[in-house]
Amino acid sequence: MKFELRKLSLTDGKDVYDMLQHIDKNENGFINHCCGMDYAGFKGWLMRSDEMERGKNLESWMVKQTIYWLYADGKPAGMAKLRHSLTKALEIEGGHIGYAIAYPYRNKGYCTALIGLVLQECKKLGIDSALVTVKNSNEPSIKAALKNGGVIERIENGRHYIWIKAK
């Protein structure tokens, strides 16, 4: 299996849109705004997400965020949100990295690969160690974070707080 990380692009098309329909709106705390959205709405969401990465039109509670797609053998299989900094709210829920794998690709090591690739992007942004917050019930996600060298800082508020050094 060949994995590749691609940054969100305004030219992303139907393949990415279709993949996003296989990730619930609220997937274990990961918010997928595109689930159930029509294709025109998806294209608008791409524009807003691109602005967010550049720090444009951010509301007071928002931080810069880059969205990435995980491609497996040339097909989109998952997504990640890399937040460039943390707010008090993101320290409690969200962390630096949020991620989800589309249903057809789960339990096959894709999440572990996705986290590893995003950690390389953290390093480029000057993030030496990234926080991942995972619901206690999401054992596959906890295992994927730990496989990437994550260290559980604490378990509270129904979540594991895991710090992972950037690669």
N, C-alpha and C. Protein backbone atom coordinates (compact mmCIF):
# COMPACT_ATOMS: atom_id res chain seq x y z
N MET A 1 0.85 -1.18 0.00
CA MET A 1 0.00 0.00 0.00
C MET A 1 0.89 1.24 0.00
N LYS A 2 0.63 2.15 -0.91
CA LYS A 2 1.38 3.40 -0.99
C LYS A 2 0.50 4.53 -0.46
N PHE A 3 0.97 5.18 0.60
CA PHE A 3 0.24 6.30 1.20
C PHE A 3 0.86 7.62 0.77
N GLU A 4 0.00 8.60 0.60
CA GLU A 4 0.44 9.94 0.21
C GLU A 4 -0.47 10.95 0.92
N LEU A 5 0.13 12.03 1.39
CA LEU A 5 -0.62 13.11 2.01
C LEU A 5 -0.71 14.27 1.03
N ARG A 6 -1.92 14.75 0.77
CA ARG A 6 -2.10 15.89 -0.13
C ARG A 6 -2.85 16.98 0.62
N LYS A 7 -2.36 18.19 0.45
CA LYS A 7 -3.00 19.34 1.07
C LYS A 7 -4.27 19.69 0.30
N LEU A 8 -5.28 20.15 1.02
CA LEU A 8 -6.52 20.61 0.40
C LEU A 8 -6.21 21.57 -0.73
N SER A 9 -6.94 21.44 -1.82
CA SER A 9 -6.78 22.31 -2.97
C SER A 9 -8.16 22.75 -3.44
N LEU A 10 -8.24 23.96 -3.97
CA LEU A 10 -9.51 24.45 -4.50
C LEU A 10 -9.99 23.61 -5.69
N THR A 11 -9.08 22.83 -6.27
CA THR A 11 -9.46 21.99 -7.40
C THR A 11 -9.85 20.57 -6.99
N ASP A 12 -9.85 20.29 -5.67
CA ASP A 12 -10.29 18.96 -5.23
C ASP A 12 -11.69 18.70 -5.78
N GLY A 13 -11.92 17.45 -6.17
CA GLY A 13 -13.16 17.14 -6.87
C GLY A 13 -13.98 16.03 -6.26
N LYS A 14 -14.69 15.38 -7.13
CA LYS A 14 -15.71 14.39 -6.75
C LYS A 14 -15.11 13.23 -5.95
N ASP A 15 -13.88 12.82 -6.25
CA ASP A 15 -13.29 11.70 -5.50
C ASP A 15 -13.17 12.04 -4.02
N VAL A 16 -12.72 13.25 -3.70
CA VAL A 16 -12.61 13.68 -2.30
C VAL A 16 -14.01 13.86 -1.71
N TYR A 17 -14.89 14.49 -2.44
CA TYR A 17 -16.27 14.68 -1.98
C TYR A 17 -16.92 13.34 -1.64
N ASP A 18 -16.79 12.37 -2.52
CA ASP A 18 -17.39 11.05 -2.28
C ASP A 18 -16.80 10.39 -1.04
N MET A 19 -15.48 10.50 -0.86
CA MET A 19 -14.83 9.93 0.33
C MET A 19 -15.40 10.56 1.60
N LEU A 20 -15.62 11.87 1.57
CA LEU A 20 -16.12 12.56 2.77
C LEU A 20 -17.53 12.12 3.14
N GLN A 21 -18.26 11.57 2.20
CA GLN A 21 -19.61 11.08 2.51
C GLN A 21 -19.55 9.76 3.29
N HIS A 22 -18.36 9.18 3.42
CA HIS A 22 -18.16 7.94 4.17
C HIS A 22 -17.53 8.19 5.54
N ILE A 23 -17.63 9.44 6.00
CA ILE A 23 -17.20 9.82 7.36
C ILE A 23 -18.38 10.58 7.96
N ASP A 24 -18.90 10.08 9.09
CA ASP A 24 -20.06 10.72 9.71
C ASP A 24 -19.80 12.18 10.04
N LYS A 25 -20.90 12.93 10.21
CA LYS A 25 -20.82 14.36 10.58
C LYS A 25 -20.04 14.56 11.87
N ASN A 26 -20.30 13.72 12.86
CA ASN A 26 -19.58 13.78 14.13
C ASN A 26 -19.06 12.38 14.40
N GLU A 27 -17.84 12.15 13.97
CA GLU A 27 -17.21 10.83 14.04
C GLU A 27 -16.30 10.78 15.25
N ASN A 28 -16.83 10.29 16.37
CA ASN A 28 -16.02 10.22 17.60
C ASN A 28 -15.42 11.56 17.98
N GLY A 29 -16.16 12.64 17.75
CA GLY A 29 -15.67 13.98 18.09
C GLY A 29 -15.04 14.71 16.92
N PHE A 30 -14.74 14.02 15.83
CA PHE A 30 -14.20 14.65 14.62
C PHE A 30 -15.38 15.19 13.83
N ILE A 31 -15.38 16.49 13.56
CA ILE A 31 -16.49 17.12 12.85
C ILE A 31 -16.20 17.14 11.35
N ASN A 32 -17.08 16.52 10.58
CA ASN A 32 -16.99 16.49 9.13
C ASN A 32 -18.14 17.33 8.58
N HIS A 33 -17.88 18.57 8.28
CA HIS A 33 -18.91 19.49 7.80
C HIS A 33 -19.46 19.08 6.44
N CYS A 34 -18.75 18.25 5.71
CA CYS A 34 -19.13 17.91 4.33
C CYS A 34 -20.09 16.73 4.24
N CYS A 35 -20.24 15.96 5.30
CA CYS A 35 -21.13 14.81 5.26
C CYS A 35 -22.56 15.29 5.02
N GLY A 36 -23.17 14.80 3.96
CA GLY A 36 -24.54 15.19 3.63
C GLY A 36 -24.65 16.49 2.85
N MET A 37 -23.55 17.18 2.66
CA MET A 37 -23.54 18.45 1.93
C MET A 37 -23.59 18.15 0.42
N ASP A 38 -24.24 19.02 -0.35
CA ASP A 38 -24.23 18.82 -1.80
C ASP A 38 -22.87 19.25 -2.36
N TYR A 39 -22.63 18.90 -3.62
CA TYR A 39 -21.31 19.14 -4.22
C TYR A 39 -20.98 20.63 -4.30
N ALA A 40 -21.97 21.47 -4.61
CA ALA A 40 -21.73 22.92 -4.66
C ALA A 40 -21.33 23.44 -3.28
N GLY A 41 -21.97 22.94 -2.24
CA GLY A 41 -21.61 23.31 -0.88
C GLY A 41 -20.19 22.90 -0.54
N PHE A 42 -19.80 21.71 -1.01
CA PHE A 42 -18.44 21.21 -0.80
C PHE A 42 -17.42 22.17 -1.41
N LYS A 43 -17.69 22.64 -2.63
CA LYS A 43 -16.75 23.56 -3.28
C LYS A 43 -16.63 24.87 -2.48
N GLY A 44 -17.73 25.34 -1.91
CA GLY A 44 -17.69 26.52 -1.04
C GLY A 44 -16.90 26.25 0.23
N TRP A 45 -17.07 25.05 0.78
CA TRP A 45 -16.33 24.66 1.98
C TRP A 45 -14.83 24.63 1.70
N LEU A 46 -14.45 24.17 0.51
CA LEU A 46 -13.03 24.19 0.14
C LEU A 46 -12.48 25.61 0.18
N MET A 47 -13.24 26.57 -0.34
CA MET A 47 -12.79 27.97 -0.34
C MET A 47 -12.64 28.50 1.08
N ARG A 48 -13.62 28.21 1.94
CA ARG A 48 -13.54 28.67 3.34
C ARG A 48 -12.35 28.01 4.06
N SER A 49 -12.12 26.74 3.80
CA SER A 49 -11.01 26.02 4.43
C SER A 49 -9.66 26.57 3.97
N ASP A 50 -9.58 26.92 2.70
CA ASP A 50 -8.36 27.53 2.16
C ASP A 50 -8.10 28.88 2.84
N GLU A 51 -9.14 29.67 3.02
CA GLU A 51 -8.99 30.95 3.72
C GLU A 51 -8.52 30.74 5.16
N MET A 52 -9.07 29.72 5.80
CA MET A 52 -8.72 29.44 7.19
C MET A 52 -7.23 29.12 7.32
N GLU A 53 -6.70 28.38 6.35
CA GLU A 53 -5.27 28.07 6.39
C GLU A 53 -4.44 29.33 6.28
N ARG A 54 -4.90 30.28 5.50
CA ARG A 54 -4.16 31.53 5.30
C ARG A 54 -4.47 32.57 6.38
N GLY A 55 -5.34 32.22 7.34
CA GLY A 55 -5.65 33.13 8.44
C GLY A 55 -6.64 34.22 8.06
N LYS A 56 -7.38 34.03 6.98
CA LYS A 56 -8.34 35.03 6.52
C LYS A 56 -9.73 34.72 7.06
N ASN A 57 -10.43 35.78 7.47
CA ASN A 57 -11.81 35.68 7.93
C ASN A 57 -12.00 34.71 9.09
N LEU A 58 -11.01 34.66 9.99
CA LEU A 58 -11.12 33.80 11.16
C LEU A 58 -11.96 34.48 12.23
N GLU A 59 -12.86 33.73 12.83
CA GLU A 59 -13.60 34.25 13.98
C GLU A 59 -12.67 34.20 15.18
N SER A 60 -13.03 34.89 16.25
CA SER A 60 -12.13 35.05 17.39
C SER A 60 -11.70 33.72 18.02
N TRP A 61 -12.50 32.69 17.92
CA TRP A 61 -12.18 31.40 18.53
C TRP A 61 -11.40 30.47 17.60
N MET A 62 -11.19 30.88 16.36
CA MET A 62 -10.55 30.03 15.36
C MET A 62 -9.04 30.22 15.33
N VAL A 63 -8.34 29.18 14.85
CA VAL A 63 -6.90 29.26 14.61
C VAL A 63 -6.65 28.82 13.17
N LYS A 64 -5.48 29.16 12.65
CA LYS A 64 -5.12 28.67 11.32
C LYS A 64 -5.15 27.14 11.34
N GLN A 65 -5.63 26.59 10.24
CA GLN A 65 -5.77 25.13 10.15
C GLN A 65 -5.54 24.69 8.71
N THR A 66 -4.75 23.65 8.54
CA THR A 66 -4.52 23.07 7.23
C THR A 66 -5.21 21.72 7.16
N ILE A 67 -5.90 21.47 6.06
CA ILE A 67 -6.59 20.20 5.87
C ILE A 67 -5.79 19.38 4.86
N TYR A 68 -5.66 18.11 5.18
CA TYR A 68 -4.95 17.16 4.33
C TYR A 68 -5.84 15.97 4.02
N TRP A 69 -5.60 15.38 2.86
CA TRP A 69 -6.26 14.14 2.45
C TRP A 69 -5.22 13.03 2.47
N LEU A 70 -5.61 11.88 3.01
CA LEU A 70 -4.77 10.70 2.91
C LEU A 70 -5.19 9.95 1.66
N TYR A 71 -4.24 9.73 0.77
CA TYR A 71 -4.48 8.92 -0.42
C TYR A 71 -3.79 7.58 -0.23
N ALA A 72 -4.50 6.52 -0.56
CA ALA A 72 -3.96 5.16 -0.51
C ALA A 72 -4.04 4.59 -1.92
N ASP A 73 -2.90 4.29 -2.48
CA ASP A 73 -2.84 3.80 -3.87
C ASP A 73 -3.65 4.68 -4.82
N GLY A 74 -3.51 6.00 -4.63
CA GLY A 74 -4.12 6.97 -5.53
C GLY A 74 -5.57 7.32 -5.26
N LYS A 75 -6.16 6.75 -4.20
CA LYS A 75 -7.57 7.04 -3.88
C LYS A 75 -7.67 7.70 -2.52
N PRO A 76 -8.52 8.75 -2.39
CA PRO A 76 -8.68 9.38 -1.08
C PRO A 76 -9.34 8.42 -0.09
N ALA A 77 -8.74 8.33 1.10
CA ALA A 77 -9.22 7.37 2.09
C ALA A 77 -9.48 8.00 3.46
N GLY A 78 -9.02 9.23 3.68
CA GLY A 78 -9.22 9.86 4.97
C GLY A 78 -8.80 11.31 4.93
N MET A 79 -9.00 11.98 6.06
CA MET A 79 -8.64 13.40 6.14
C MET A 79 -8.08 13.72 7.51
N ALA A 80 -7.33 14.81 7.56
CA ALA A 80 -6.78 15.30 8.82
C ALA A 80 -6.86 16.82 8.83
N LYS A 81 -7.05 17.35 10.02
CA LYS A 81 -7.01 18.79 10.25
C LYS A 81 -5.80 19.04 11.15
N LEU A 82 -4.91 19.90 10.69
CA LEU A 82 -3.75 20.28 11.49
C LEU A 82 -3.90 21.72 11.91
N ARG A 83 -4.13 21.90 13.19
CA ARG A 83 -4.27 23.26 13.74
C ARG A 83 -2.89 23.78 14.08
N HIS A 84 -2.61 24.99 13.63
CA HIS A 84 -1.26 25.55 13.75
C HIS A 84 -0.93 25.99 15.17
N SER A 85 -1.94 26.16 16.00
CA SER A 85 -1.73 26.54 17.40
C SER A 85 -2.93 26.04 18.20
N LEU A 86 -2.83 26.17 19.51
CA LEU A 86 -3.91 25.71 20.39
C LEU A 86 -4.53 26.87 21.15
N THR A 87 -5.82 26.81 21.31
CA THR A 87 -6.54 27.69 22.23
C THR A 87 -6.84 26.87 23.48
N LYS A 88 -7.37 27.51 24.50
CA LYS A 88 -7.76 26.77 25.71
C LYS A 88 -8.78 25.69 25.36
N ALA A 89 -9.73 26.01 24.48
CA ALA A 89 -10.76 25.04 24.08
C ALA A 89 -10.14 23.86 23.33
N LEU A 90 -9.18 24.11 22.44
CA LEU A 90 -8.54 23.02 21.70
C LEU A 90 -7.65 22.17 22.60
N GLU A 91 -7.17 22.74 23.69
CA GLU A 91 -6.40 21.95 24.66
C GLU A 91 -7.29 20.93 25.36
N ILE A 92 -8.59 21.21 25.43
CA ILE A 92 -9.55 20.31 26.07
C ILE A 92 -10.13 19.32 25.06
N GLU A 93 -10.46 19.82 23.88
CA GLU A 93 -11.07 18.97 22.86
C GLU A 93 -10.59 19.42 21.48
N GLY A 94 -9.93 18.52 20.76
CA GLY A 94 -9.48 18.83 19.41
C GLY A 94 -7.99 18.67 19.23
N GLY A 95 -7.21 19.35 20.06
CA GLY A 95 -5.76 19.26 19.93
C GLY A 95 -5.24 19.86 18.64
N HIS A 96 -4.00 19.54 18.33
CA HIS A 96 -3.39 20.01 17.07
C HIS A 96 -3.92 19.23 15.87
N ILE A 97 -4.10 17.92 16.06
CA ILE A 97 -4.45 17.06 14.93
C ILE A 97 -5.78 16.37 15.17
N GLY A 98 -6.69 16.54 14.21
CA GLY A 98 -7.93 15.78 14.18
C GLY A 98 -7.90 14.95 12.91
N TYR A 99 -8.46 13.75 12.94
CA TYR A 99 -8.36 12.88 11.78
C TYR A 99 -9.52 11.89 11.74
N ALA A 100 -9.79 11.41 10.54
CA ALA A 100 -10.82 10.39 10.35
C ALA A 100 -10.52 9.62 9.08
N ILE A 101 -10.85 8.35 9.10
CA ILE A 101 -10.68 7.47 7.96
C ILE A 101 -12.07 7.08 7.47
N ALA A 102 -12.28 7.09 6.15
CA ALA A 102 -13.57 6.70 5.57
C ALA A 102 -13.85 5.23 5.88
N TYR A 103 -15.12 4.90 6.05
CA TYR A 103 -15.52 3.55 6.46
C TYR A 103 -14.86 2.41 5.67
N PRO A 104 -14.80 2.47 4.36
CA PRO A 104 -14.24 1.31 3.64
C PRO A 104 -12.76 1.03 3.95
N TYR A 105 -12.07 1.98 4.58
CA TYR A 105 -10.62 1.85 4.77
C TYR A 105 -10.22 1.63 6.23
N ARG A 106 -11.17 1.44 7.11
CA ARG A 106 -10.86 1.33 8.53
C ARG A 106 -10.27 -0.02 8.91
N ASN A 107 -9.54 0.00 10.02
CA ASN A 107 -8.93 -1.20 10.60
C ASN A 107 -7.93 -1.87 9.67
N LYS A 108 -7.22 -1.04 8.90
CA LYS A 108 -6.23 -1.56 7.96
C LYS A 108 -4.89 -0.82 8.08
N GLY A 109 -4.71 -0.02 9.14
CA GLY A 109 -3.47 0.71 9.35
C GLY A 109 -3.42 2.09 8.72
N TYR A 110 -4.51 2.52 8.10
CA TYR A 110 -4.53 3.82 7.43
C TYR A 110 -4.40 4.98 8.42
N CYS A 111 -5.04 4.85 9.56
CA CYS A 111 -5.00 5.93 10.56
C CYS A 111 -3.57 6.12 11.07
N THR A 112 -2.88 5.03 11.33
CA THR A 112 -1.49 5.11 11.78
C THR A 112 -0.64 5.83 10.73
N ALA A 113 -0.85 5.48 9.46
CA ALA A 113 -0.11 6.14 8.38
C ALA A 113 -0.45 7.62 8.30
N LEU A 114 -1.72 7.95 8.42
CA LEU A 114 -2.16 9.35 8.33
C LEU A 114 -1.52 10.19 9.43
N ILE A 115 -1.56 9.71 10.65
CA ILE A 115 -0.96 10.46 11.77
C ILE A 115 0.53 10.67 11.52
N GLY A 116 1.22 9.62 11.09
CA GLY A 116 2.66 9.74 10.83
C GLY A 116 2.97 10.79 9.78
N LEU A 117 2.19 10.83 8.72
CA LEU A 117 2.42 11.82 7.66
C LEU A 117 2.12 13.24 8.15
N VAL A 118 1.08 13.40 8.94
CA VAL A 118 0.73 14.73 9.46
C VAL A 118 1.80 15.21 10.44
N LEU A 119 2.39 14.30 11.19
CA LEU A 119 3.46 14.69 12.10
C LEU A 119 4.66 15.27 11.35
N GLN A 120 4.89 14.83 10.14
CA GLN A 120 5.95 15.42 9.31
C GLN A 120 5.61 16.87 8.96
N GLU A 121 4.33 17.14 8.73
CA GLU A 121 3.89 18.51 8.44
C GLU A 121 3.99 19.38 9.68
N CYS A 122 3.75 18.80 10.85
CA CYS A 122 3.91 19.56 12.11
C CYS A 122 5.31 20.14 12.19
N LYS A 123 6.28 19.29 11.92
CA LYS A 123 7.69 19.72 11.99
C LYS A 123 7.93 20.93 11.09
N LYS A 124 7.37 20.90 9.88
CA LYS A 124 7.55 22.00 8.93
C LYS A 124 6.95 23.30 9.46
N LEU A 125 5.89 23.20 10.28
CA LEU A 125 5.24 24.38 10.84
C LEU A 125 5.86 24.83 12.16
N GLY A 126 6.88 24.10 12.61
CA GLY A 126 7.53 24.46 13.88
C GLY A 126 6.81 23.91 15.10
N ILE A 127 5.94 22.95 14.89
CA ILE A 127 5.25 22.28 16.01
C ILE A 127 6.10 21.06 16.37
N ASP A 128 6.79 21.13 17.51
CA ASP A 128 7.70 20.06 17.90
C ASP A 128 6.98 18.86 18.47
N SER A 129 5.86 19.11 19.14
CA SER A 129 5.08 18.05 19.75
C SER A 129 3.61 18.41 19.57
N ALA A 130 2.82 17.44 19.09
CA ALA A 130 1.41 17.70 18.77
C ALA A 130 0.49 16.99 19.75
N LEU A 131 -0.56 17.69 20.13
CA LEU A 131 -1.57 17.12 21.02
C LEU A 131 -2.68 16.49 20.19
N VAL A 132 -3.06 15.28 20.57
CA VAL A 132 -4.21 14.59 20.00
C VAL A 132 -5.13 14.27 21.16
N THR A 133 -6.41 14.63 21.04
CA THR A 133 -7.38 14.26 22.07
C THR A 133 -8.32 13.23 21.46
N VAL A 134 -8.45 12.09 22.16
CA VAL A 134 -9.22 10.97 21.61
C VAL A 134 -10.22 10.49 22.66
N LYS A 135 -11.46 10.29 22.23
CA LYS A 135 -12.46 9.75 23.15
C LYS A 135 -12.01 8.39 23.66
N ASN A 136 -12.24 8.14 24.95
CA ASN A 136 -11.82 6.89 25.58
C ASN A 136 -12.34 5.66 24.84
N SER A 137 -13.51 5.78 24.24
CA SER A 137 -14.13 4.64 23.56
C SER A 137 -13.52 4.35 22.18
N ASN A 138 -12.67 5.23 21.68
CA ASN A 138 -12.10 5.07 20.34
C ASN A 138 -10.73 4.39 20.42
N GLU A 139 -10.76 3.12 20.76
CA GLU A 139 -9.52 2.36 20.95
C GLU A 139 -8.63 2.31 19.71
N PRO A 140 -9.20 2.13 18.50
CA PRO A 140 -8.31 2.11 17.32
C PRO A 140 -7.53 3.41 17.15
N SER A 141 -8.15 4.54 17.44
CA SER A 141 -7.48 5.83 17.30
C SER A 141 -6.39 5.99 18.37
N ILE A 142 -6.68 5.55 19.56
CA ILE A 142 -5.68 5.61 20.64
C ILE A 142 -4.47 4.78 20.25
N LYS A 143 -4.72 3.56 19.75
CA LYS A 143 -3.62 2.68 19.33
C LYS A 143 -2.80 3.30 18.22
N ALA A 144 -3.47 3.94 17.25
CA ALA A 144 -2.75 4.58 16.13
C ALA A 144 -1.85 5.71 16.63
N ALA A 145 -2.35 6.50 17.59
CA ALA A 145 -1.53 7.58 18.14
C ALA A 145 -0.32 7.02 18.89
N LEU A 146 -0.55 5.98 19.66
CA LEU A 146 0.55 5.37 20.42
C LEU A 146 1.58 4.72 19.49
N LYS A 147 1.14 4.12 18.39
CA LYS A 147 2.06 3.51 17.42
C LYS A 147 2.97 4.56 16.78
N ASN A 148 2.53 5.82 16.79
CA ASN A 148 3.34 6.91 16.25
C ASN A 148 4.22 7.56 17.32
N GLY A 149 4.37 6.89 18.44
CA GLY A 149 5.23 7.40 19.50
C GLY A 149 4.51 8.27 20.52
N GLY A 150 3.20 8.27 20.48
CA GLY A 150 2.43 9.09 21.41
C GLY A 150 2.60 8.66 22.85
N VAL A 151 2.51 9.65 23.73
CA VAL A 151 2.60 9.41 25.17
C VAL A 151 1.33 9.98 25.80
N ILE A 152 0.63 9.14 26.54
CA ILE A 152 -0.59 9.59 27.20
C ILE A 152 -0.22 10.50 28.36
N GLU A 153 -0.64 11.75 28.27
CA GLU A 153 -0.37 12.72 29.33
C GLU A 153 -1.34 12.52 30.48
N ARG A 154 -2.61 12.32 30.11
CA ARG A 154 -3.64 12.12 31.13
C ARG A 154 -4.90 11.56 30.47
N ILE A 155 -5.78 11.04 31.31
CA ILE A 155 -7.09 10.58 30.86
C ILE A 155 -8.11 11.25 31.76
N GLU A 156 -8.93 12.13 31.17
CA GLU A 156 -9.98 12.83 31.91
C GLU A 156 -10.97 13.39 30.91
N ASN A 157 -12.10 13.85 31.41
CA ASN A 157 -13.16 14.41 30.56
C ASN A 157 -13.59 13.43 29.46
N GLY A 158 -13.44 12.13 29.72
CA GLY A 158 -13.83 11.13 28.73
C GLY A 158 -12.88 11.02 27.57
N ARG A 159 -11.65 11.55 27.73
CA ARG A 159 -10.68 11.58 26.64
C ARG A 159 -9.30 11.16 27.10
N HIS A 160 -8.55 10.65 26.13
CA HIS A 160 -7.11 10.46 26.29
C HIS A 160 -6.43 11.69 25.70
N TYR A 161 -5.49 12.26 26.43
CA TYR A 161 -4.70 13.39 25.97
C TYR A 161 -3.32 12.85 25.65
N ILE A 162 -3.01 12.79 24.35
CA ILE A 162 -1.80 12.14 23.89
C ILE A 162 -0.92 13.17 23.16
N TRP A 163 0.33 13.25 23.59
CA TRP A 163 1.32 14.11 22.94
C TRP A 163 2.22 13.25 22.08
N ILE A 164 2.48 13.70 20.86
CA ILE A 164 3.32 12.95 19.93
C ILE A 164 4.39 13.90 19.38
N LYS A 165 5.64 13.48 19.44
CA LYS A 165 6.73 14.29 18.88
C LYS A 165 6.64 14.31 17.36
N ALA A 166 6.84 15.48 16.78
CA ALA A 166 6.85 15.62 15.32
C ALA A 166 8.05 14.88 14.76
N LYS A 167 7.90 14.42 13.52
CA LYS A 167 8.96 13.60 12.90
C LYS A 167 9.79 14.42 11.94
